[in-house]
Amino acid sequence: YKNIHVRAGDGYKGWPEQAPFDAIMVTAAPERIPQPLIDQLAEGGRLVIPVGGLYQELIVAVKKGGKLEKRSVIPVRFVPMTGEAEKGK
């Protein structure tokens, strides 16, 4: 696909050099949605992300007025998100 870009890296930081994004799909679970991902999502953009620790929910969110409108879709179990934000915990 010509309009899809994939990046492997620190999910807590996102990909600011390529922002804003119309859609972001995350395949590792942070405890809460990282602010950089919200910041990098375009107005009207969609975010699909598993969120939680032991118990996780797949969240689908849309950015409206600079804020996320979130809805929980289904319980899930993904690997935990790791990165700089988690060091020292």
PDB file of N, CA and C in Angstrom:
ATOM      1  N   TYR A   1       0.834  -1.179   0.000  1.00  0.00           N
ATOM      2  CA  TYR A   1       0.000   0.000   0.000  1.00  0.00           C
ATOM      3  C   TYR A   1       0.877   1.241   0.000  1.00  0.00           C
ATOM      4  N   LYS A   2       0.516   2.216  -0.783  1.00  0.00           N
ATOM      5  CA  LYS A   2       1.337   3.418  -0.900  1.00  0.00           C
ATOM      6  C   LYS A   2       1.066   4.440   0.200  1.00  0.00           C
ATOM      7  N   ASN A   3      -0.090   4.359   0.853  1.00  0.00           N
ATOM      8  CA  ASN A   3      -0.433   5.378   1.844  1.00  0.00           C
ATOM      9  C   ASN A   3      -0.359   4.870   3.281  1.00  0.00           C
ATOM     10  N   ILE A   4       0.329   3.739   3.504  1.00  0.00           N
ATOM     11  CA  ILE A   4       0.515   3.193   4.844  1.00  0.00           C
ATOM     12  C   ILE A   4       1.997   3.194   5.165  1.00  0.00           C
ATOM     13  N   HIS A   5       2.331   3.686   6.354  1.00  0.00           N
ATOM     14  CA  HIS A   5       3.716   3.714   6.809  1.00  0.00           C
ATOM     15  C   HIS A   5       3.778   2.997   8.151  1.00  0.00           C
ATOM     16  N   VAL A   6       4.791   2.151   8.310  1.00  0.00           N
ATOM     17  CA  VAL A   6       4.961   1.375   9.537  1.00  0.00           C
ATOM     18  C   VAL A   6       6.268   1.787  10.184  1.00  0.00           C
ATOM     19  N   ARG A   7       6.221   1.927  11.516  1.00  0.00           N
ATOM     20  CA  ARG A   7       7.436   2.275  12.245  1.00  0.00           C
ATOM     21  C   ARG A   7       7.517   1.417  13.496  1.00  0.00           C
ATOM     22  N   ALA A   8       8.706   0.884  13.750  1.00  0.00           N
ATOM     23  CA  ALA A   8       8.978   0.186  15.004  1.00  0.00           C
ATOM     24  C   ALA A   8       9.853   1.116  15.820  1.00  0.00           C
ATOM     25  N   GLY A   9       9.455   1.385  17.049  1.00  0.00           N
ATOM     26  CA  GLY A   9      10.225   2.291  17.894  1.00  0.00           C
ATOM     27  C   GLY A   9       9.544   2.452  19.231  1.00  0.00           C
ATOM     28  N   ASP A  10       9.937   3.473  19.954  1.00  0.00           N
ATOM     29  CA  ASP A  10       9.373   3.753  21.273  1.00  0.00           C
ATOM     30  C   ASP A  10       7.960   4.308  21.098  1.00  0.00           C
ATOM     31  N   GLY A  11       6.972   3.472  21.406  1.00  0.00           N
ATOM     32  CA  GLY A  11       5.581   3.866  21.216  1.00  0.00           C
ATOM     33  C   GLY A  11       5.146   5.031  22.077  1.00  0.00           C
ATOM     34  N   TYR A  12       5.851   5.267  23.175  1.00  0.00           N
ATOM     35  CA  TYR A  12       5.504   6.407  24.029  1.00  0.00           C
ATOM     36  C   TYR A  12       5.828   7.735  23.357  1.00  0.00           C
ATOM     37  N   LYS A  13       6.762   7.711  22.421  1.00  0.00           N
ATOM     38  CA  LYS A  13       7.169   8.947  21.737  1.00  0.00           C
ATOM     39  C   LYS A  13       6.422   9.172  20.431  1.00  0.00           C
ATOM     40  N   GLY A  14       5.864   8.115  19.858  1.00  0.00           N
ATOM     41  CA  GLY A  14       5.191   8.255  18.574  1.00  0.00           C
ATOM     42  C   GLY A  14       6.192   8.479  17.458  1.00  0.00           C
ATOM     43  N   TRP A  15       5.790   9.293  16.479  1.00  0.00           N
ATOM     44  CA  TRP A  15       6.619   9.579  15.304  1.00  0.00           C
ATOM     45  C   TRP A  15       6.402  11.044  14.927  1.00  0.00           C
ATOM     46  N   PRO A  16       6.903  11.962  15.746  1.00  0.00           N
ATOM     47  CA  PRO A  16       6.595  13.387  15.558  1.00  0.00           C
ATOM     48  C   PRO A  16       7.041  13.952  14.211  1.00  0.00           C
ATOM     49  N   GLU A  17       8.073  13.373  13.625  1.00  0.00           N
ATOM     50  CA  GLU A  17       8.571  13.890  12.343  1.00  0.00           C
ATOM     51  C   GLU A  17       7.561  13.713  11.215  1.00  0.00           C
ATOM     52  N   GLN A  18       6.639  12.768  11.357  1.00  0.00           N
ATOM     53  CA  GLN A  18       5.659  12.493  10.298  1.00  0.00           C
ATOM     54  C   GLN A  18       4.244  12.957  10.650  1.00  0.00           C
ATOM     55  N   ALA A  19       4.063  13.486  11.842  1.00  0.00           N
ATOM     56  CA  ALA A  19       2.732  13.911  12.303  1.00  0.00           C
ATOM     57  C   ALA A  19       2.254  15.131  11.524  1.00  0.00           C
ATOM     58  N   PRO A  20       0.961  15.369  11.466  1.00  0.00           N
ATOM     59  CA  PRO A  20      -0.121  14.671  12.143  1.00  0.00           C
ATOM     60  C   PRO A  20      -0.597  13.453  11.343  1.00  0.00           C
ATOM     61  N   PHE A  21      -1.222  12.511  12.059  1.00  0.00           N
ATOM     62  CA  PHE A  21      -1.707  11.281  11.457  1.00  0.00           C
ATOM     63  C   PHE A  21      -3.229  11.245  11.452  1.00  0.00           C
ATOM     64  N   ASP A  22      -3.786  10.717  10.372  1.00  0.00           N
ATOM     65  CA  ASP A  22      -5.238  10.512  10.290  1.00  0.00           C
ATOM     66  C   ASP A  22      -5.662   9.293  11.100  1.00  0.00           C
ATOM     67  N   ALA A  23      -4.733   8.354  11.271  1.00  0.00           N
ATOM     68  CA  ALA A  23      -5.018   7.146  12.050  1.00  0.00           C
ATOM     69  C   ALA A  23      -3.719   6.630  12.659  1.00  0.00           C
ATOM     70  N   ILE A  24      -3.821   6.117  13.868  1.00  0.00           N
ATOM     71  CA  ILE A  24      -2.702   5.479  14.558  1.00  0.00           C
ATOM     72  C   ILE A  24      -3.226   4.165  15.119  1.00  0.00           C
ATOM     73  N   MET A  25      -2.501   3.071  14.825  1.00  0.00           N
ATOM     74  CA  MET A  25      -2.842   1.769  15.378  1.00  0.00           C
ATOM     75  C   MET A  25      -1.655   1.280  16.197  1.00  0.00           C
ATOM     76  N   VAL A  26      -1.898   0.963  17.460  1.00  0.00           N
ATOM     77  CA  VAL A  26      -0.844   0.554  18.385  1.00  0.00           C
ATOM     78  C   VAL A  26      -1.038  -0.917  18.720  1.00  0.00           C
ATOM     79  N   THR A  27       0.059  -1.687  18.751  1.00  0.00           N
ATOM     80  CA  THR A  27      -0.036  -3.129  18.993  1.00  0.00           C
ATOM     81  C   THR A  27       0.702  -3.572  20.252  1.00  0.00           C
ATOM     82  N   ALA A  28       0.878  -2.675  21.200  1.00  0.00           N
ATOM     83  CA  ALA A  28       1.398  -2.982  22.527  1.00  0.00           C
ATOM     84  C   ALA A  28       0.639  -2.105  23.515  1.00  0.00           C
ATOM     85  N   ALA A  29       0.450  -2.602  24.737  1.00  0.00           N
ATOM     86  CA  ALA A  29      -0.453  -1.931  25.676  1.00  0.00           C
ATOM     87  C   ALA A  29       0.271  -1.076  26.720  1.00  0.00           C
ATOM     88  N   PRO A  30       0.077   0.243  26.666  1.00  0.00           N
ATOM     89  CA  PRO A  30       0.537   1.095  27.766  1.00  0.00           C
ATOM     90  C   PRO A  30      -0.520   1.097  28.879  1.00  0.00           C
ATOM     91  N   GLU A  31      -0.130   1.557  30.054  1.00  0.00           N
ATOM     92  CA  GLU A  31      -1.094   1.674  31.166  1.00  0.00           C
ATOM     93  C   GLU A  31      -2.152   2.734  30.870  1.00  0.00           C
ATOM     94  N   ARG A  32      -1.745   3.784  30.156  1.00  0.00           N
ATOM     95  CA  ARG A  32      -2.657   4.860  29.749  1.00  0.00           C
ATOM     96  C   ARG A  32      -2.199   5.350  28.373  1.00  0.00           C
ATOM     97  N   ILE A  33      -3.051   6.043  27.670  1.00  0.00           N
ATOM     98  CA  ILE A  33      -2.699   6.521  26.325  1.00  0.00           C
ATOM     99  C   ILE A  33      -1.609   7.579  26.444  1.00  0.00           C
ATOM    100  N   PRO A  34      -0.473   7.383  25.775  1.00  0.00           N
ATOM    101  CA  PRO A  34       0.615   8.363  25.836  1.00  0.00           C
ATOM    102  C   PRO A  34       0.213   9.700  25.198  1.00  0.00           C
ATOM    103  N   GLN A  35       0.497  10.793  25.891  1.00  0.00           N
ATOM    104  CA  GLN A  35       0.150  12.126  25.396  1.00  0.00           C
ATOM    105  C   GLN A  35       0.745  12.417  24.017  1.00  0.00           C
ATOM    106  N   PRO A  36       2.005  11.998  23.724  1.00  0.00           N
ATOM    107  CA  PRO A  36       2.531  12.270  22.380  1.00  0.00           C
ATOM    108  C   PRO A  36       1.675  11.683  21.260  1.00  0.00           C
ATOM    109  N   LEU A  37       1.035  10.540  21.493  1.00  0.00           N
ATOM    110  CA  LEU A  37       0.173   9.967  20.457  1.00  0.00           C
ATOM    111  C   LEU A  37      -1.055  10.837  20.239  1.00  0.00           C
ATOM    112  N   ILE A  38      -1.611  11.359  21.322  1.00  0.00           N
ATOM    113  CA  ILE A  38      -2.762  12.267  21.207  1.00  0.00           C
ATOM    114  C   ILE A  38      -2.350  13.525  20.459  1.00  0.00           C
ATOM    115  N   ASP A  39      -1.190  14.069  20.817  1.00  0.00           N
ATOM    116  CA  ASP A  39      -0.691  15.288  20.179  1.00  0.00           C
ATOM    117  C   ASP A  39      -0.445  15.099  18.691  1.00  0.00           C
ATOM    118  N   GLN A  40      -0.022  13.894  18.292  1.00  0.00           N
ATOM    119  CA  GLN A  40       0.332  13.630  16.902  1.00  0.00           C
ATOM    120  C   GLN A  40      -0.850  13.194  16.049  1.00  0.00           C
ATOM    121  N   LEU A  41      -1.999  13.003  16.660  1.00  0.00           N
ATOM    122  CA  LEU A  41      -3.203  12.621  15.931  1.00  0.00           C
ATOM    123  C   LEU A  41      -3.874  13.870  15.354  1.00  0.00           C
ATOM    124  N   ALA A  42      -4.209  13.818  14.083  1.00  0.00           N
ATOM    125  CA  ALA A  42      -4.886  14.941  13.431  1.00  0.00           C
ATOM    126  C   ALA A  42      -6.298  15.099  13.985  1.00  0.00           C
ATOM    127  N   GLU A  43      -6.824  16.299  13.904  1.00  0.00           N
ATOM    128  CA  GLU A  43      -8.219  16.546  14.281  1.00  0.00           C
ATOM    129  C   GLU A  43      -9.102  15.639  13.421  1.00  0.00           C
ATOM    130  N   GLY A  44      -9.993  14.906  14.076  1.00  0.00           N
ATOM    131  CA  GLY A  44     -10.833  13.947  13.363  1.00  0.00           C
ATOM    132  C   GLY A  44     -10.157  12.597  13.166  1.00  0.00           C
ATOM    133  N   GLY A  45      -8.897  12.485  13.588  1.00  0.00           N
ATOM    134  CA  GLY A  45      -8.143  11.249  13.420  1.00  0.00           C
ATOM    135  C   GLY A  45      -8.586  10.177  14.406  1.00  0.00           C
ATOM    136  N   ARG A  46      -8.300   8.924  14.048  1.00  0.00           N
ATOM    137  CA  ARG A  46      -8.698   7.778  14.857  1.00  0.00           C
ATOM    138  C   ARG A  46      -7.475   7.104  15.466  1.00  0.00           C
ATOM    139  N   LEU A  47      -7.632   6.652  16.697  1.00  0.00           N
ATOM    140  CA  LEU A  47      -6.585   5.937  17.426  1.00  0.00           C
ATOM    141  C   LEU A  47      -7.167   4.619  17.913  1.00  0.00           C
ATOM    142  N   VAL A  48      -6.489   3.517  17.583  1.00  0.00           N
ATOM    143  CA  VAL A  48      -6.877   2.189  18.056  1.00  0.00           C
ATOM    144  C   VAL A  48      -5.718   1.692  18.903  1.00  0.00           C
ATOM    145  N   ILE A  49      -5.981   1.412  20.199  1.00  0.00           N
ATOM    146  CA  ILE A  49      -4.896   1.091  21.117  1.00  0.00           C
ATOM    147  C   ILE A  49      -5.390   0.207  22.271  1.00  0.00           C
ATOM    148  N   PRO A  50      -4.632  -0.857  22.591  1.00  0.00           N
ATOM    149  CA  PRO A  50      -4.951  -1.606  23.798  1.00  0.00           C
ATOM    150  C   PRO A  50      -4.406  -0.838  25.002  1.00  0.00           C
ATOM    151  N   VAL A  51      -5.179  -0.736  26.070  1.00  0.00           N
ATOM    152  CA  VAL A  51      -4.756   0.050  27.237  1.00  0.00           C
ATOM    153  C   VAL A  51      -5.001  -0.756  28.513  1.00  0.00           C
ATOM    154  N   GLY A  52      -4.007  -0.750  29.399  1.00  0.00           N
ATOM    155  CA  GLY A  52      -4.172  -1.379  30.696  1.00  0.00           C
ATOM    156  C   GLY A  52      -2.966  -2.211  31.082  1.00  0.00           C
ATOM    157  N   GLY A  53      -3.026  -2.755  32.291  1.00  0.00           N
ATOM    158  CA  GLY A  53      -1.977  -3.618  32.805  1.00  0.00           C
ATOM    159  C   GLY A  53      -2.398  -5.068  32.658  1.00  0.00           C
ATOM    160  N   LEU A  54      -2.733  -5.674  33.793  1.00  0.00           N
ATOM    161  CA  LEU A  54      -3.190  -7.061  33.767  1.00  0.00           C
ATOM    162  C   LEU A  54      -4.504  -7.187  32.990  1.00  0.00           C
ATOM    163  N   TYR A  55      -5.409  -6.245  33.223  1.00  0.00           N
ATOM    164  CA  TYR A  55      -6.682  -6.221  32.493  1.00  0.00           C
ATOM    165  C   TYR A  55      -6.626  -5.088  31.480  1.00  0.00           C
ATOM    166  N   GLN A  56      -6.832  -5.415  30.226  1.00  0.00           N
ATOM    167  CA  GLN A  56      -6.714  -4.433  29.151  1.00  0.00           C
ATOM    168  C   GLN A  56      -8.025  -4.327  28.376  1.00  0.00           C
ATOM    169  N   GLU A  57      -8.211  -3.172  27.783  1.00  0.00           N
ATOM    170  CA  GLU A  57      -9.354  -2.914  26.908  1.00  0.00           C
ATOM    171  C   GLU A  57      -8.835  -2.373  25.583  1.00  0.00           C
ATOM    172  N   LEU A  58      -9.446  -2.797  24.489  1.00  0.00           N
ATOM    173  CA  LEU A  58      -9.128  -2.194  23.204  1.00  0.00           C
ATOM    174  C   LEU A  58      -9.944  -0.915  23.110  1.00  0.00           C
ATOM    175  N   ILE A  59      -9.255   0.203  22.979  1.00  0.00           N
ATOM    176  CA  ILE A  59      -9.887   1.517  22.923  1.00  0.00           C
ATOM    177  C   ILE A  59      -9.869   2.025  21.482  1.00  0.00           C
ATOM    178  N   VAL A  60     -10.996   2.525  21.039  1.00  0.00           N
ATOM    179  CA  VAL A  60     -11.088   3.236  19.767  1.00  0.00           C
ATOM    180  C   VAL A  60     -11.427   4.675  20.119  1.00  0.00           C
ATOM    181  N   ALA A  61     -10.604   5.603  19.655  1.00  0.00           N
ATOM    182  CA  ALA A  61     -10.791   7.007  20.012  1.00  0.00           C
ATOM    183  C   ALA A  61     -10.757   7.877  18.760  1.00  0.00           C
ATOM    184  N   VAL A  62     -11.476   8.983  18.816  1.00  0.00           N
ATOM    185  CA  VAL A  62     -11.477   9.984  17.748  1.00  0.00           C
ATOM    186  C   VAL A  62     -11.121  11.318  18.384  1.00  0.00           C
ATOM    187  N   LYS A  63     -10.236  12.072  17.747  1.00  0.00           N
ATOM    188  CA  LYS A  63      -9.840  13.378  18.274  1.00  0.00           C
ATOM    189  C   LYS A  63     -10.822  14.439  17.782  1.00  0.00           C
ATOM    190  N   LYS A  64     -11.486  15.072  18.739  1.00  0.00           N
ATOM    191  CA  LYS A  64     -12.456  16.127  18.423  1.00  0.00           C
ATOM    192  C   LYS A  64     -12.200  17.296  19.351  1.00  0.00           C
ATOM    193  N   GLY A  65     -12.022  18.464  18.790  1.00  0.00           N
ATOM    194  CA  GLY A  65     -11.775  19.652  19.598  1.00  0.00           C
ATOM    195  C   GLY A  65     -10.505  19.547  20.422  1.00  0.00           C
ATOM    196  N   GLY A  66      -9.532  18.815  19.915  1.00  0.00           N
ATOM    197  CA  GLY A  66      -8.259  18.655  20.612  1.00  0.00           C
ATOM    198  C   GLY A  66      -8.272  17.606  21.706  1.00  0.00           C
ATOM    199  N   LYS A  67      -9.420  16.968  21.929  1.00  0.00           N
ATOM    200  CA  LYS A  67      -9.540  15.942  22.972  1.00  0.00           C
ATOM    201  C   LYS A  67      -9.993  14.625  22.357  1.00  0.00           C
ATOM    202  N   LEU A  68      -9.761  13.543  23.103  1.00  0.00           N
ATOM    203  CA  LEU A  68     -10.164  12.228  22.617  1.00  0.00           C
ATOM    204  C   LEU A  68     -11.546  11.841  23.112  1.00  0.00           C
ATOM    205  N   GLU A  69     -12.377  11.379  22.194  1.00  0.00           N
ATOM    206  CA  GLU A  69     -13.639  10.727  22.540  1.00  0.00           C
ATOM    207  C   GLU A  69     -13.352   9.245  22.448  1.00  0.00           C
ATOM    208  N   LYS A  70     -13.375   8.556  23.590  1.00  0.00           N
ATOM    209  CA  LYS A  70     -12.954   7.158  23.654  1.00  0.00           C
ATOM    210  C   LYS A  70     -14.132   6.232  23.899  1.00  0.00           C
ATOM    211  N   ARG A  71     -13.997   5.028  23.335  1.00  0.00           N
ATOM    212  CA  ARG A  71     -14.950   3.973  23.679  1.00  0.00           C
ATOM    213  C   ARG A  71     -14.192   2.656  23.760  1.00  0.00           C
ATOM    214  N   SER A  72     -14.558   1.881  24.748  1.00  0.00           N
ATOM    215  CA  SER A  72     -13.967   0.566  24.939  1.00  0.00           C
ATOM    216  C   SER A  72     -14.707  -0.422  24.044  1.00  0.00           C
ATOM    217  N   VAL A  73     -13.951  -1.207  23.293  1.00  0.00           N
ATOM    218  CA  VAL A  73     -14.554  -2.110  22.329  1.00  0.00           C
ATOM    219  C   VAL A  73     -14.654  -3.538  22.876  1.00  0.00           C
ATOM    220  N   ILE A  74     -13.543  -4.020  23.458  1.00  0.00           N
ATOM    221  CA  ILE A  74     -13.517  -5.416  23.892  1.00  0.00           C
ATOM    222  C   ILE A  74     -12.325  -5.629  24.829  1.00  0.00           C
ATOM    223  N   PRO A  75     -12.437  -6.552  25.780  1.00  0.00           N
ATOM    224  CA  PRO A  75     -11.258  -6.898  26.580  1.00  0.00           C
ATOM    225  C   PRO A  75     -10.225  -7.600  25.694  1.00  0.00           C
ATOM    226  N   VAL A  76      -8.956  -7.286  25.899  1.00  0.00           N
ATOM    227  CA  VAL A  76      -7.885  -7.861  25.088  1.00  0.00           C
ATOM    228  C   VAL A  76      -6.679  -8.177  25.965  1.00  0.00           C
ATOM    229  N   ARG A  77      -5.680  -8.803  25.375  1.00  0.00           N
ATOM    230  CA  ARG A  77      -4.421  -9.069  26.063  1.00  0.00           C
ATOM    231  C   ARG A  77      -3.293  -8.903  25.056  1.00  0.00           C
ATOM    232  N   PHE A  78      -2.549  -7.794  25.171  1.00  0.00           N
ATOM    233  CA  PHE A  78      -1.398  -7.506  24.321  1.00  0.00           C
ATOM    234  C   PHE A  78      -0.145  -7.477  25.182  1.00  0.00           C
ATOM    235  N   VAL A  79       1.014  -7.543  24.547  1.00  0.00           N
ATOM    236  CA  VAL A  79       2.261  -7.367  25.288  1.00  0.00           C
ATOM    237  C   VAL A  79       2.297  -5.942  25.820  1.00  0.00           C
ATOM    238  N   PRO A  80       2.978  -5.721  26.947  1.00  0.00           N
ATOM    239  CA  PRO A  80       3.064  -4.356  27.475  1.00  0.00           C
ATOM    240  C   PRO A  80       3.937  -3.463  26.598  1.00  0.00           C
ATOM    241  N   MET A  81       3.586  -2.190  26.543  1.00  0.00           N
ATOM    242  CA  MET A  81       4.418  -1.222  25.835  1.00  0.00           C
ATOM    243  C   MET A  81       5.624  -0.908  26.721  1.00  0.00           C
ATOM    244  N   THR A  82       6.784  -0.892  26.120  1.00  0.00           N
ATOM    245  CA  THR A  82       8.005  -0.544  26.843  1.00  0.00           C
ATOM    246  C   THR A  82       8.652   0.650  26.155  1.00  0.00           C
ATOM    247  N   GLY A  83       9.493   1.349  26.871  1.00  0.00           N
ATOM    248  CA  GLY A  83      10.177   2.499  26.293  1.00  0.00           C
ATOM    249  C   GLY A  83      10.703   3.410  27.371  1.00  0.00           C
ATOM    250  N   GLU A  84      11.211   4.544  26.962  1.00  0.00           N
ATOM    251  CA  GLU A  84      11.817   5.510  27.880  1.00  0.00           C
ATOM    252  C   GLU A  84      10.884   5.921  29.006  1.00  0.00           C
ATOM    253  N   ALA A  85       9.604   6.061  28.717  1.00  0.00           N
ATOM    254  CA  ALA A  85       8.642   6.509  29.725  1.00  0.00           C
ATOM    255  C   ALA A  85       8.496   5.508  30.863  1.00  0.00           C
ATOM    256  N   GLU A  86       8.843   4.263  30.617  1.00  0.00           N
ATOM    257  CA  GLU A  86       8.686   3.228  31.626  1.00  0.00           C
ATOM    258  C   GLU A  86       9.948   2.992  32.448  1.00  0.00           C
ATOM    259  N   LYS A  87      11.072   3.550  32.039  1.00  0.00           N
ATOM    260  CA  LYS A  87      12.306   3.361  32.791  1.00  0.00           C
ATOM    261  C   LYS A  87      12.197   4.026  34.150  1.00  0.00           C
ATOM    262  N   GLY A  88      12.699   3.351  35.160  1.00  0.00           N
ATOM    263  CA  GLY A  88      12.678   3.906  36.504  1.00  0.00           C
ATOM    264  C   GLY A  88      11.412   3.622  37.276  1.00  0.00           C
ATOM    265  N   LYS A  89      10.468   2.882  36.695  1.00  0.00           N
ATOM    266  CA  LYS A  89       9.230   2.546  37.426  1.00  0.00           C
ATOM    267  C   LYS A  89       9.492   1.405  38.358  1.00  0.00           C
TER     268      LYS A  89
END
